[in-house]
Protein backbone atom coordinates (compact mmCIF):
# COMPACT_ATOMS: atom_id res chain seq x y z
CA UNK A 1 -0.22 -12.58 -19.25
CA UNK A 2 -2.55 -15.27 -20.64
CA UNK A 3 -2.86 -13.40 -23.94
CA UNK A 4 0.92 -13.02 -24.18
CA UNK A 5 1.44 -16.72 -23.47
CA UNK A 6 -0.91 -17.77 -26.27
CA UNK A 7 0.81 -15.32 -28.65
CA UNK A 8 4.20 -16.83 -27.74
CA UNK A 9 2.87 -20.32 -28.46
CA UNK A 10 1.53 -19.21 -31.84
CA UNK A 11 4.86 -17.58 -32.67
CA UNK A 12 6.89 -20.57 -31.43
CA UNK A 13 4.87 -23.07 -33.46
CA UNK A 14 5.00 -21.01 -36.65
CA UNK A 15 8.49 -22.30 -37.47
CA UNK A 16 8.28 -25.80 -36.00
CA UNK A 17 6.56 -29.03 -36.86
CA UNK A 18 3.78 -29.56 -34.37
CA UNK A 19 1.61 -32.59 -33.80
CA UNK A 20 -0.41 -31.47 -30.78
CA UNK A 21 -0.50 -28.96 -27.97
CA UNK A 22 -1.73 -30.49 -24.77
CA UNK A 23 -4.47 -28.46 -23.23
CA UNK A 24 -5.00 -28.29 -19.49
CA UNK A 25 -8.07 -28.24 -17.30
CA UNK A 26 -10.00 -30.17 -19.92
CA UNK A 27 -13.39 -30.10 -18.33
CA UNK A 28 -15.29 -29.88 -21.57
CA UNK A 29 -17.61 -32.52 -22.89
CA UNK A 30 -17.38 -34.09 -26.33
CA UNK A 31 -20.33 -31.87 -27.26
CA UNK A 32 -18.93 -28.64 -28.76
CA UNK A 33 -19.13 -25.63 -26.45
CA UNK A 34 -20.51 -27.60 -23.47
CA UNK A 35 -18.44 -27.84 -20.31
CA UNK A 36 -19.01 -29.76 -17.09
CA UNK A 37 -20.41 -27.82 -14.12
CA UNK A 38 -17.76 -26.54 -11.72
CA UNK A 39 -17.02 -28.98 -8.93
CA UNK A 40 -18.15 -32.21 -10.54
CA UNK A 41 -15.69 -35.04 -9.98
CA UNK A 42 -16.65 -37.30 -12.86
CA UNK A 43 -16.11 -36.35 -16.52
CA UNK A 44 -17.47 -39.11 -18.76
CA UNK A 45 -17.09 -38.35 -22.47
CA UNK A 46 -14.52 -35.64 -21.84
CA UNK A 47 -13.03 -33.75 -24.78
CA UNK A 48 -9.61 -34.97 -25.88
CA UNK A 49 -6.54 -33.34 -24.38
CA UNK A 50 -4.79 -32.81 -27.72
CA UNK A 51 -5.26 -29.52 -29.55
CA UNK A 52 -3.83 -28.50 -32.93
CA UNK A 53 -2.04 -25.32 -33.96
CA UNK A 54 -5.28 -24.18 -35.57
CA UNK A 55 -6.82 -24.11 -32.08
CA UNK A 56 -3.99 -21.91 -30.84
CA UNK A 57 -4.54 -19.51 -33.74
CA UNK A 58 -8.30 -19.46 -33.12
CA UNK A 59 -7.78 -18.74 -29.45
CA UNK A 60 -5.18 -16.06 -30.15
CA UNK A 61 -7.48 -14.30 -32.62
CA UNK A 62 -10.39 -14.42 -30.14
CA UNK A 63 -8.18 -12.99 -27.38
CA UNK A 64 -6.97 -10.16 -29.62
CA UNK A 65 -10.57 -8.94 -29.90
CA UNK A 66 -11.04 -8.80 -26.14
CA UNK A 67 -9.61 -6.09 -23.88
CA UNK A 68 -9.56 -8.71 -21.09
CA UNK A 69 -10.42 -12.43 -21.33
CA UNK A 70 -14.11 -13.21 -20.82
CA UNK A 71 -16.03 -16.47 -20.95
CA UNK A 72 -16.12 -17.43 -24.58
CA UNK A 73 -17.17 -20.81 -25.93
CA UNK A 74 -15.60 -22.38 -29.01
CA UNK A 75 -16.19 -25.79 -30.53
CA UNK A 76 -13.01 -27.36 -29.08
CA UNK A 77 -12.09 -25.10 -26.17
CA UNK A 78 -13.59 -22.57 -23.81
CA UNK A 79 -11.86 -19.37 -22.69
CA UNK A 80 -12.75 -19.39 -19.02
CA UNK A 81 -11.00 -16.57 -17.13
CA UNK A 82 -10.65 -16.92 -13.40
CA UNK A 83 -10.01 -14.11 -10.93
C-alpha cells in the first residue's frame, strides 16, 4: 500500500505544478541520513517538513527495487517501515 501511495503521488505531480510535498513523522536531524532515536521527545535541528517532487521520485525508485519496504537511509528522508 505504501509503495502504491508513493507511485500515485509521483503520477499525480507529473502533470501539476508543485512547490512542496509535506512529509510526515519528520524525526530526522539536519544531518543527512541521521534520525533521532525512537521515543525522544525533543528534536532540535529537525529536518524541514517540505520535500520536493525529486524526493518523491527518489523514494519511488528506491521502493521499486525492494520487494517489501526495509530501513533505507537517504539524504533527505528515511524509509522506515513499521509492522
